[in-house]
Amino acid sequence: MSDAAAPFRTETDMLGTKSIPADALYGIHTARAMENFSISGKPANPHLIQAIITVKQAAALANGRLKLIPAPVAEAIAGACEEAIGNPHRSQFPVDAFQGGAGTSTHMNVNEVIANLAILRLGGRPGDYGMVHPVDHVNCGQSTNDVYPTALKIAAIRLLRPLSRAFASLQEALQEKEQELADVLKLGRTQLMDALPMTAGQGFGAYAKAIARDRWRIYKVEERLREINLGGTAIGTGLNAPLKYIYTVTELLQDLTGLGLARSEYPMDLTQNMDVFVEVSGMLKAAASNLLKISNDLRLLASGPRGGLGELRLPAVQAGSSIMPGKANPVIAEMMGQTAMRVIANDSAITMAAMSGQLELNAFTPLIAECLLESLELLTRAVTLFEEKCIRGIEADRERCLESVELSSALAAALVNHVGYAEASRIALAAQAGGCTVRDVLLSEGRFTPEETDRILNLHQVTKPGTPGK
């Protein structure tokens, strides 16, 4: 150990010695990881770091209670965890999110920071590991391979809950828009071609149903994350983790997190298999696919406004062009679509990482963690903005919507049960050729009286089940 006034201290590991900034809370393992994994410049997700610290706090309390480490050391570690959870030392967790080692570098980074904070609490200097050791004390009874997946599940649950609330709010906004636009008649389209009449409200009702399913899936998938392998240590056998410790640390972690966590009956399964994270990501991908479809629909329905469909008006939130005056683009819908694409891409990465695990461990868990937590955070923010800055401010151009219905041949479908499919097709083609409406053709040919025509082509009736005019 170097003199306290020196700018560096010397630490030793299995590879040799290394100079560490004297006041750094991290140690030699973190320093090597910083050199080895200078990749993205993006450190591990702070929610993951916070969850690992919470696991460390539970372990310290359990080890102290069972006298597996000295009581003063356990108290110092638990206090250090409480301090670090307050997030005043974020700069001390610099290890890149993309790393080899199944998360060992991030895990050891936390072990070193907590150890040095505990040392400071006991009156020592950073690096004085004779007082509190990152492995012997902070990591007592643990391994990266049970701590990291457990922490990832805690972080994911904590992020799932605000996402579930965001989807609930979006569903509510879509349902309100369904009611608001229930009397706006517009043209439904299939394969981008004129189909049948509908109301604008019905379109938003369909979106609300899709988001309701996403909300329910996201709410229920939390159950898949509650089973943890903490206490399984390196491969799930529990070597160096006494049974009393395993039960105690699980109970303490339940108390600290307030989550319904449960000890796995077969920790080896959860140590080597990452399919639970694939399942959670799959739910996020399903939600992203719905959000992408809805955002694309809105962009199309609002296109123009003069040269496109122009049936909806999306809120203008910023100027849209540096060269075209008066142009406002559907930027919030575009943001939602791009976020959805990123979530779908993350799902592919999670799937590949999970299937690439080998034998008793998955070395690619850091990629799973980065992609899953990013997807959860991105979706929560994007869905909230999508609701607030787009959905709630949507308006319909009622005249444009009605005109599209009247000028299309869609109303010919209402004639099928009156004149037959072939004759209805002829009338539709006649309307198209003449540049007039189906109503005009019927009246000019005298097929029905004006009153009968009005009953058959009743625009409110053709948006509901049954045969119009009967």
Protein backbone atom coordinates (compact mmCIF):
# COMPACT_ATOMS: atom_id res chain seq x y z
CA MET A 1 0.00 0.00 0.00
CA SER A 2 1.44 3.39 -1.01
CA ASP A 3 1.61 6.49 1.18
CA ALA A 4 -1.70 8.30 1.71
CA ALA A 5 -0.34 11.51 0.12
CA ALA A 6 0.60 9.73 -3.12
CA PRO A 7 -1.74 10.16 -6.10
CA PHE A 8 -1.89 6.40 -6.67
CA ARG A 9 -2.11 3.24 -4.65
CA THR A 10 -0.86 -0.17 -5.73
CA GLU A 11 -3.19 -3.16 -5.88
CA THR A 12 -2.39 -6.77 -6.70
CA ASP A 13 -4.30 -9.57 -8.43
CA MET A 14 -3.45 -12.91 -10.07
CA LEU A 15 -1.87 -11.09 -13.03
CA GLY A 16 0.38 -8.81 -11.01
CA THR A 17 0.22 -5.26 -9.70
CA LYS A 18 -1.41 -2.08 -10.97
CA SER A 19 -1.55 1.58 -9.99
CA ILE A 20 -4.99 2.82 -9.00
CA PRO A 21 -5.91 6.47 -8.28
CA ALA A 22 -5.54 6.83 -4.53
CA ASP A 23 -9.04 8.17 -3.95
CA ALA A 24 -10.81 5.80 -6.37
CA LEU A 25 -13.49 3.62 -4.85
CA TYR A 26 -12.97 0.96 -7.50
CA GLY A 27 -9.98 -1.38 -7.57
CA ILE A 28 -7.72 -3.41 -9.79
CA HIS A 29 -10.40 -5.61 -11.34
CA THR A 30 -12.36 -2.56 -12.45
CA ALA A 31 -9.19 -0.91 -13.79
CA ARG A 32 -8.38 -3.94 -15.94
CA ALA A 33 -11.96 -4.10 -17.18
CA MET A 34 -11.78 -0.45 -18.20
CA GLU A 35 -8.74 -1.27 -20.33
CA ASN A 36 -10.14 -4.50 -21.76
CA PHE A 37 -13.63 -3.32 -22.63
CA SER A 38 -13.26 0.16 -24.07
CA ILE A 39 -16.11 -0.44 -26.50
CA SER A 40 -19.26 1.66 -26.37
CA GLY A 41 -18.34 4.31 -23.83
CA LYS A 42 -21.62 3.43 -22.16
CA PRO A 43 -21.37 1.99 -18.65
CA ALA A 44 -23.62 -0.76 -17.37
CA ASN A 45 -27.23 0.26 -16.85
CA PRO A 46 -27.60 2.15 -13.54
CA HIS A 47 -30.72 0.15 -12.67
CA LEU A 48 -28.63 -3.02 -12.87
CA ILE A 49 -25.94 -1.48 -10.67
CA GLN A 50 -28.53 -0.44 -8.11
CA ALA A 51 -30.00 -3.94 -8.07
CA ILE A 52 -26.58 -5.56 -7.58
CA ILE A 53 -25.94 -3.20 -4.66
CA THR A 54 -29.27 -4.25 -3.14
CA VAL A 55 -28.25 -7.91 -3.45
CA LYS A 56 -24.96 -7.04 -1.72
CA GLN A 57 -26.85 -5.35 1.10
CA ALA A 58 -29.03 -8.42 1.64
CA ALA A 59 -25.96 -10.68 1.57
CA ALA A 60 -24.11 -8.52 4.11
CA LEU A 61 -27.06 -8.55 6.48
CA ALA A 62 -27.42 -12.33 6.09
CA ASN A 63 -23.70 -12.97 6.57
CA GLY A 64 -23.65 -10.74 9.63
CA ARG A 65 -26.72 -12.36 11.15
CA LEU A 66 -25.25 -15.86 10.66
CA LYS A 67 -21.76 -14.75 11.83
CA LEU A 68 -20.19 -15.73 8.51
CA ILE A 69 -18.30 -12.43 8.51
CA PRO A 70 -17.49 -10.17 11.50
CA ALA A 71 -20.44 -8.06 12.65
CA PRO A 72 -18.64 -4.69 12.29
CA VAL A 73 -17.66 -5.59 8.72
CA ALA A 74 -21.21 -6.69 7.88
CA GLU A 75 -22.61 -3.46 9.31
CA ALA A 76 -20.09 -1.38 7.37
CA ILE A 77 -20.91 -3.18 4.12
CA ALA A 78 -24.66 -2.80 4.65
CA GLY A 79 -24.20 0.89 5.40
CA ALA A 80 -22.01 1.32 2.33
CA CYS A 81 -24.73 -0.28 0.21
CA GLU A 82 -27.33 2.07 1.65
CA GLU A 83 -25.07 5.00 0.76
CA ALA A 84 -24.38 3.73 -2.76
CA ILE A 85 -28.07 3.09 -3.45
CA GLY A 86 -28.52 6.83 -3.00
CA ASN A 87 -26.40 7.09 -6.19
CA PRO A 88 -23.76 9.65 -5.13
CA HIS A 89 -20.92 7.58 -6.59
CA ARG A 90 -22.12 6.93 -10.14
CA SER A 91 -18.72 7.79 -11.64
CA GLN A 92 -17.19 4.90 -9.74
CA PHE A 93 -19.04 2.38 -11.93
CA PRO A 94 -17.33 2.98 -15.30
CA VAL A 95 -17.16 -0.56 -16.71
CA ASP A 96 -18.57 -0.77 -20.24
CA ALA A 97 -21.94 -2.42 -20.70
CA PHE A 98 -20.45 -4.71 -23.36
CA GLN A 99 -17.99 -7.05 -21.70
CA GLY A 100 -16.84 -10.63 -21.56
CA GLY A 101 -17.05 -12.73 -18.43
CA ALA A 102 -20.80 -13.14 -17.91
CA GLY A 103 -20.92 -9.87 -15.96
CA THR A 104 -17.94 -10.52 -13.67
CA SER A 105 -16.40 -7.12 -14.39
CA THR A 106 -19.54 -5.19 -13.42
CA HIS A 107 -20.03 -7.46 -10.40
CA MET A 108 -16.44 -6.99 -9.20
CA ASN A 109 -16.72 -3.25 -9.82
CA VAL A 110 -19.62 -3.21 -7.33
CA ASN A 111 -17.74 -5.45 -4.88
CA GLU A 112 -14.74 -3.09 -4.93
CA VAL A 113 -16.76 0.11 -4.56
CA ILE A 114 -18.79 -1.29 -1.68
CA ALA A 115 -15.65 -2.64 0.01
CA ASN A 116 -13.91 0.74 -0.18
CA LEU A 117 -16.96 2.63 1.04
CA ALA A 118 -17.13 0.21 3.97
CA ILE A 119 -13.39 0.73 4.62
CA LEU A 120 -13.95 4.49 4.76
CA ARG A 121 -16.75 3.95 7.26
CA LEU A 122 -14.35 1.98 9.45
CA GLY A 123 -11.72 4.73 9.31
CA GLY A 124 -9.43 3.19 6.71
CA ARG A 125 -8.22 4.25 3.28
CA PRO A 126 -9.41 2.90 -0.10
CA GLY A 127 -7.51 -0.23 -0.97
CA ASP A 128 -6.99 -1.34 2.64
CA TYR A 129 -8.60 -4.69 1.96
CA GLY A 130 -7.32 -6.15 5.22
CA MET A 131 -10.27 -4.34 6.80
CA VAL A 132 -12.95 -5.18 4.23
CA HIS A 133 -12.19 -7.41 1.27
CA PRO A 134 -14.20 -7.20 -1.99
CA VAL A 135 -14.38 -11.00 -2.32
CA ASP A 136 -13.90 -12.48 1.13
CA HIS A 137 -16.38 -10.11 2.76
CA VAL A 138 -18.57 -8.26 0.24
CA ASN A 139 -18.91 -11.36 -1.96
CA CYS A 140 -19.14 -13.92 0.83
CA GLY A 141 -21.45 -16.79 -0.18
CA GLN A 142 -21.95 -15.36 -3.66
CA SER A 143 -20.84 -15.59 -7.28
CA THR A 144 -21.33 -13.43 -10.34
CA ASN A 145 -23.41 -16.27 -11.69
CA ASP A 146 -26.12 -16.02 -9.05
CA VAL A 147 -25.85 -12.32 -8.17
CA TYR A 148 -25.97 -10.96 -11.72
CA PRO A 149 -29.10 -12.83 -12.96
CA THR A 150 -30.86 -12.10 -9.68
CA ALA A 151 -30.06 -8.40 -9.94
CA LEU A 152 -31.14 -8.32 -13.57
CA LYS A 153 -34.53 -9.73 -12.58
CA ILE A 154 -34.94 -7.14 -9.84
CA ALA A 155 -34.01 -4.32 -12.23
CA ALA A 156 -36.37 -5.64 -14.89
CA ILE A 157 -39.32 -5.89 -12.48
CA ARG A 158 -38.70 -2.37 -11.27
CA LEU A 159 -38.79 -1.11 -14.86
CA LEU A 160 -41.75 -3.25 -15.91
CA ARG A 161 -44.08 -1.58 -13.44
CA PRO A 162 -43.84 1.99 -14.81
CA LEU A 163 -44.08 0.53 -18.33
CA SER A 164 -47.31 -1.23 -17.37
CA ARG A 165 -48.67 2.06 -16.07
CA ALA A 166 -47.65 3.84 -19.27
CA PHE A 167 -49.53 1.28 -21.35
CA ALA A 168 -52.59 1.62 -19.10
CA SER A 169 -52.58 5.36 -19.66
CA LEU A 170 -52.15 4.95 -23.42
CA GLN A 171 -55.05 2.49 -23.51
CA GLU A 172 -57.20 5.01 -21.67
CA ALA A 173 -56.25 7.78 -24.12
CA LEU A 174 -57.14 5.58 -27.10
CA GLN A 175 -60.49 4.66 -25.54
CA GLU A 176 -61.27 8.32 -24.96
CA LYS A 177 -60.43 9.04 -28.60
CA GLU A 178 -62.73 6.15 -29.57
CA GLN A 179 -65.64 7.89 -27.84
CA GLU A 180 -64.70 11.35 -29.09
CA LEU A 181 -64.64 10.24 -32.75
CA ALA A 182 -67.52 7.76 -32.58
CA ASP A 183 -69.66 9.84 -34.92
CA VAL A 184 -66.96 10.55 -37.53
CA LEU A 185 -67.68 8.43 -40.61
CA LYS A 186 -64.68 7.51 -42.69
CA LEU A 187 -63.48 5.00 -45.22
CA GLY A 188 -61.96 1.75 -44.08
CA ARG A 189 -59.17 0.36 -46.23
CA THR A 190 -57.68 -3.06 -46.84
CA GLN A 191 -54.36 -3.43 -48.66
CA LEU A 192 -54.47 0.39 -48.91
CA MET A 193 -57.52 0.17 -51.16
CA ASP A 194 -61.08 1.35 -50.46
CA ALA A 195 -62.94 -1.25 -48.39
CA LEU A 196 -65.97 -0.56 -46.16
CA PRO A 197 -67.23 2.43 -44.21
CA MET A 198 -66.33 2.70 -40.53
CA THR A 199 -66.10 5.35 -37.86
CA ALA A 200 -62.84 6.96 -36.86
CA GLY A 201 -63.71 5.95 -33.33
CA GLN A 202 -63.82 2.28 -34.31
CA GLY A 203 -60.25 2.54 -35.55
CA PHE A 204 -59.06 3.90 -32.22
CA GLY A 205 -61.11 1.26 -30.41
CA ALA A 206 -59.18 -1.43 -32.27
CA TYR A 207 -55.90 0.20 -31.28
CA ALA A 208 -57.07 0.31 -27.65
CA LYS A 209 -57.81 -3.42 -27.71
CA ALA A 210 -54.31 -4.20 -28.99
CA ILE A 211 -52.69 -2.01 -26.33
CA ALA A 212 -54.91 -3.63 -23.67
CA ARG A 213 -53.44 -7.01 -24.58
CA ASP A 214 -49.94 -5.56 -24.36
CA ARG A 215 -50.74 -4.05 -20.99
CA TRP A 216 -51.95 -7.38 -19.66
CA ARG A 217 -48.95 -9.29 -21.02
CA ILE A 218 -46.51 -6.81 -19.51
CA TYR A 219 -48.33 -6.91 -16.19
CA LYS A 220 -48.37 -10.71 -16.04
CA VAL A 221 -44.82 -11.32 -17.27
CA GLU A 222 -43.45 -9.99 -13.97
CA GLU A 223 -44.36 -13.36 -12.48
CA ARG A 224 -41.74 -15.01 -14.68
CA LEU A 225 -39.00 -12.87 -13.13
CA ARG A 226 -39.67 -13.51 -9.46
CA GLU A 227 -37.82 -16.84 -9.19
CA ILE A 228 -34.12 -16.25 -8.42
CA ASN A 229 -31.02 -18.41 -8.20
CA LEU A 230 -29.30 -16.42 -5.44
CA GLY A 231 -27.39 -18.88 -3.26
CA GLY A 232 -26.61 -21.16 -6.19
CA THR A 233 -23.14 -19.57 -6.46
CA ALA A 234 -21.07 -20.52 -9.52
CA ILE A 235 -23.10 -23.24 -11.27
CA GLY A 236 -26.20 -23.61 -9.14
CA THR A 237 -24.95 -26.26 -6.72
CA GLY A 238 -24.63 -23.77 -3.88
CA LEU A 239 -20.98 -24.53 -3.03
CA ASN A 240 -19.71 -22.13 -0.30
CA ALA A 241 -23.26 -20.91 0.44
CA PRO A 242 -24.68 -22.52 3.62
CA LEU A 243 -28.34 -23.46 3.42
CA LYS A 244 -29.24 -21.11 6.28
CA TYR A 245 -27.60 -18.29 4.35
CA ILE A 246 -29.57 -19.12 1.19
CA TYR A 247 -32.90 -18.93 3.01
CA THR A 248 -31.91 -15.86 5.01
CA VAL A 249 -30.56 -13.83 2.09
CA THR A 250 -33.69 -14.55 0.04
CA GLU A 251 -35.95 -13.35 2.86
CA LEU A 252 -33.86 -10.22 3.37
CA LEU A 253 -33.88 -9.46 -0.35
CA GLN A 254 -37.66 -9.76 -0.34
CA ASP A 255 -37.83 -7.22 2.46
CA LEU A 256 -35.34 -4.80 0.89
CA THR A 257 -36.97 -4.81 -2.54
CA GLY A 258 -40.62 -5.25 -1.61
CA LEU A 259 -40.86 -7.72 -4.47
CA GLY A 260 -42.35 -11.20 -4.33
CA LEU A 261 -39.05 -12.94 -5.02
CA ALA A 262 -38.81 -16.70 -4.50
CA ARG A 263 -35.85 -19.02 -4.11
CA SER A 264 -35.48 -21.44 -6.99
CA GLU A 265 -35.84 -25.11 -6.14
CA TYR A 266 -33.30 -25.84 -8.88
CA PRO A 267 -30.80 -22.96 -9.09
CA MET A 268 -28.72 -24.67 -11.77
CA ASP A 269 -31.57 -24.14 -14.22
CA LEU A 270 -31.68 -20.38 -13.70
CA THR A 271 -27.90 -20.13 -13.71
CA GLN A 272 -27.48 -21.60 -17.18
CA ASN A 273 -30.79 -20.90 -18.90
CA MET A 274 -31.83 -17.38 -19.91
CA ASP A 275 -35.16 -18.21 -21.60
CA VAL A 276 -37.10 -16.15 -19.03
CA PHE A 277 -35.47 -13.00 -20.38
CA VAL A 278 -36.30 -14.08 -23.92
CA GLU A 279 -39.93 -14.46 -22.86
CA VAL A 280 -40.02 -11.00 -21.29
CA SER A 281 -38.35 -9.48 -24.33
CA GLY A 282 -40.84 -11.28 -26.55
CA MET A 283 -43.68 -9.51 -24.75
CA LEU A 284 -41.93 -6.21 -25.34
CA LYS A 285 -41.48 -7.10 -29.01
CA ALA A 286 -45.20 -7.85 -29.33
CA ALA A 287 -45.98 -4.46 -27.81
CA ALA A 288 -43.45 -2.79 -30.09
CA SER A 289 -45.04 -4.37 -33.16
CA ASN A 290 -48.43 -2.95 -32.17
CA LEU A 291 -46.96 0.47 -31.48
CA LEU A 292 -45.14 0.47 -34.81
CA LYS A 293 -48.32 -0.46 -36.66
CA ILE A 294 -50.39 2.20 -34.87
CA SER A 295 -47.81 4.93 -35.42
CA ASN A 296 -47.55 4.04 -39.11
CA ASP A 297 -51.34 4.11 -39.47
CA LEU A 298 -51.52 7.54 -37.92
CA ARG A 299 -48.80 8.88 -40.19
CA LEU A 300 -50.66 7.55 -43.23
CA LEU A 301 -54.07 8.84 -42.15
CA ALA A 302 -52.57 12.26 -41.47
CA SER A 303 -50.53 12.34 -44.68
CA GLY A 304 -50.71 15.43 -46.83
CA PRO A 305 -52.62 17.17 -45.53
CA ARG A 306 -53.63 18.34 -49.02
CA GLY A 307 -51.81 15.76 -51.12
CA GLY A 308 -52.43 12.71 -48.95
CA LEU A 309 -55.28 11.11 -47.04
CA GLY A 310 -55.52 13.99 -44.60
CA GLU A 311 -58.31 12.40 -42.58
CA LEU A 312 -56.59 12.92 -39.24
CA ARG A 313 -54.68 15.91 -37.92
CA LEU A 314 -51.79 15.09 -35.60
CA PRO A 315 -50.56 17.77 -33.19
CA ALA A 316 -47.80 19.92 -34.68
CA VAL A 317 -44.97 20.01 -32.14
CA GLN A 318 -42.15 21.59 -34.16
CA ALA A 319 -41.30 23.06 -37.53
CA GLY A 320 -40.77 20.27 -40.01
CA SER A 321 -38.34 21.56 -42.60
CA SER A 322 -35.36 23.83 -43.05
CA ILE A 323 -36.40 24.62 -46.63
CA MET A 324 -40.18 24.05 -46.90
CA PRO A 325 -42.15 26.74 -45.02
CA GLY A 326 -45.25 25.73 -43.11
CA LYS A 327 -44.40 22.03 -43.07
CA ALA A 328 -45.10 20.06 -39.88
CA ASN A 329 -44.05 16.43 -39.79
CA PRO A 330 -45.49 13.58 -37.67
CA VAL A 331 -42.32 13.47 -35.58
CA ILE A 332 -43.84 11.95 -32.44
CA ALA A 333 -45.30 9.05 -34.42
CA GLU A 334 -41.92 8.67 -36.15
CA MET A 335 -40.18 8.63 -32.76
CA MET A 336 -42.56 5.92 -31.57
CA GLY A 337 -41.88 3.85 -34.67
CA GLN A 338 -38.11 4.11 -34.34
CA THR A 339 -38.25 3.19 -30.66
CA ALA A 340 -40.34 0.15 -31.54
CA MET A 341 -37.78 -0.88 -34.15
CA ARG A 342 -35.00 -0.64 -31.57
CA VAL A 343 -36.94 -2.83 -29.14
CA ILE A 344 -37.48 -5.42 -31.88
CA ALA A 345 -33.75 -5.32 -32.70
CA ASN A 346 -32.91 -5.72 -29.00
CA ASP A 347 -35.18 -8.76 -28.88
CA SER A 348 -33.17 -10.38 -31.66
CA ALA A 349 -29.95 -9.74 -29.74
CA ILE A 350 -31.45 -11.15 -26.52
CA THR A 351 -32.61 -14.26 -28.35
CA MET A 352 -29.19 -14.87 -29.87
CA ALA A 353 -27.42 -14.23 -26.56
CA ALA A 354 -29.71 -16.61 -24.67
CA MET A 355 -29.27 -19.42 -27.18
CA SER A 356 -25.48 -18.96 -27.15
CA GLY A 357 -25.07 -20.03 -23.52
CA GLN A 358 -23.00 -23.16 -23.05
CA LEU A 359 -23.22 -25.87 -20.42
CA GLU A 360 -23.53 -24.42 -16.89
CA LEU A 361 -23.37 -20.69 -17.69
CA ASN A 362 -24.31 -18.08 -20.25
CA ALA A 363 -21.34 -15.80 -20.92
CA PHE A 364 -23.49 -13.35 -22.86
CA THR A 365 -25.74 -12.23 -20.00
CA PRO A 366 -24.34 -8.65 -20.11
CA LEU A 367 -25.79 -8.25 -23.61
CA ILE A 368 -29.14 -9.58 -22.40
CA ALA A 369 -29.07 -7.12 -19.50
CA GLU A 370 -28.16 -4.10 -21.63
CA CYS A 371 -30.74 -4.82 -24.32
CA LEU A 372 -33.59 -5.78 -21.99
CA LEU A 373 -33.21 -2.84 -19.62
CA GLU A 374 -32.77 -0.43 -22.52
CA SER A 375 -35.97 -1.72 -24.14
CA LEU A 376 -37.90 -1.26 -20.91
CA GLU A 377 -36.65 2.28 -20.42
CA LEU A 378 -37.11 3.31 -24.06
CA LEU A 379 -40.65 1.97 -24.24
CA THR A 380 -41.74 3.68 -21.04
CA ARG A 381 -40.48 7.07 -22.17
CA ALA A 382 -41.66 6.72 -25.77
CA VAL A 383 -45.16 5.46 -24.90
CA THR A 384 -45.62 8.32 -22.45
CA LEU A 385 -44.60 10.91 -25.04
CA PHE A 386 -46.66 9.21 -27.75
CA GLU A 387 -49.76 9.50 -25.58
CA GLU A 388 -49.15 13.05 -24.37
CA LYS A 389 -47.83 14.67 -27.56
CA CYS A 390 -49.70 12.72 -30.21
CA ILE A 391 -52.72 10.59 -29.26
CA ARG A 392 -54.48 13.04 -26.97
CA GLY A 393 -54.26 15.88 -29.49
CA ILE A 394 -55.47 14.03 -32.60
CA GLU A 395 -58.37 15.59 -34.48
CA ALA A 396 -60.40 14.32 -37.43
CA ASP A 397 -61.20 16.26 -40.60
CA ARG A 398 -64.86 15.29 -40.63
CA GLU A 399 -65.62 16.67 -44.08
CA ARG A 400 -62.61 14.97 -45.63
CA CYS A 401 -63.56 11.67 -44.00
CA LEU A 402 -67.17 11.82 -45.21
CA GLU A 403 -66.12 12.85 -48.70
CA SER A 404 -63.84 9.80 -48.98
CA VAL A 405 -66.73 7.51 -48.08
CA GLU A 406 -69.17 9.12 -50.50
CA LEU A 407 -66.76 9.18 -53.43
CA SER A 408 -65.56 5.61 -52.98
CA SER A 409 -67.28 2.48 -54.26
CA ALA A 410 -67.22 1.07 -50.74
CA LEU A 411 -70.95 1.59 -50.29
CA ALA A 412 -71.59 -0.90 -53.11
CA ALA A 413 -71.02 -3.64 -50.53
CA ALA A 414 -74.30 -2.57 -48.89
CA LEU A 415 -76.11 -3.59 -52.08
CA VAL A 416 -74.97 -7.22 -52.17
CA ASN A 417 -77.96 -8.61 -50.25
CA HIS A 418 -80.33 -6.48 -52.33
CA VAL A 419 -79.11 -6.95 -55.92
CA GLY A 420 -76.45 -9.66 -55.74
CA TYR A 421 -72.67 -9.46 -55.90
CA ALA A 422 -72.36 -9.24 -59.70
CA GLU A 423 -74.87 -6.39 -60.02
CA ALA A 424 -73.31 -4.58 -57.05
CA SER A 425 -69.91 -4.84 -58.80
CA ARG A 426 -71.39 -3.38 -61.98
CA ILE A 427 -72.83 -0.44 -60.06
CA ALA A 428 -69.49 0.17 -58.32
CA LEU A 429 -67.62 0.16 -61.65
CA ALA A 430 -70.21 2.48 -63.16
CA ALA A 431 -69.70 4.93 -60.31
CA GLN A 432 -65.93 4.82 -60.80
CA ALA A 433 -66.19 5.26 -64.55
CA GLY A 434 -68.61 8.14 -64.24
CA GLY A 435 -66.73 9.90 -61.46
CA CYS A 436 -69.86 9.90 -59.34
CA THR A 437 -71.14 8.12 -56.25
CA VAL A 438 -72.91 4.79 -55.86
CA ARG A 439 -75.94 6.76 -54.69
CA ASP A 440 -75.89 8.77 -57.93
CA VAL A 441 -75.90 5.58 -60.05
CA LEU A 442 -78.76 4.05 -58.10
CA LEU A 443 -80.89 7.18 -58.39
CA SER A 444 -80.09 7.71 -62.07
CA GLU A 445 -81.00 4.12 -62.91
CA GLY A 446 -84.11 4.18 -60.73
CA ARG A 447 -83.24 0.88 -59.07
CA PHE A 448 -84.67 2.07 -55.77
CA THR A 449 -86.74 4.99 -54.61
CA PRO A 450 -84.80 7.81 -52.91
CA GLU A 451 -86.17 6.65 -49.55
CA GLU A 452 -85.05 3.05 -50.18
CA THR A 453 -81.66 4.27 -51.34
CA ASP A 454 -81.24 6.31 -48.15
CA ARG A 455 -82.12 3.28 -46.02
CA ILE A 456 -79.72 0.97 -47.84
CA LEU A 457 -76.84 3.47 -47.86
CA ASN A 458 -77.41 4.73 -44.33
CA LEU A 459 -73.88 5.62 -43.31
CA HIS A 460 -74.41 4.81 -39.66
CA GLN A 461 -75.97 1.44 -40.38
CA VAL A 462 -73.17 0.30 -42.70
CA THR A 463 -70.68 0.52 -39.83
CA LYS A 464 -72.57 -2.07 -37.77
CA PRO A 465 -73.49 -5.78 -38.05
CA GLY A 466 -76.44 -6.70 -40.25
CA THR A 467 -77.84 -5.92 -43.67
CA PRO A 468 -78.37 -2.19 -44.32
CA GLY A 469 -81.96 -1.32 -45.28
CA LYS A 470 -83.47 -4.49 -43.87
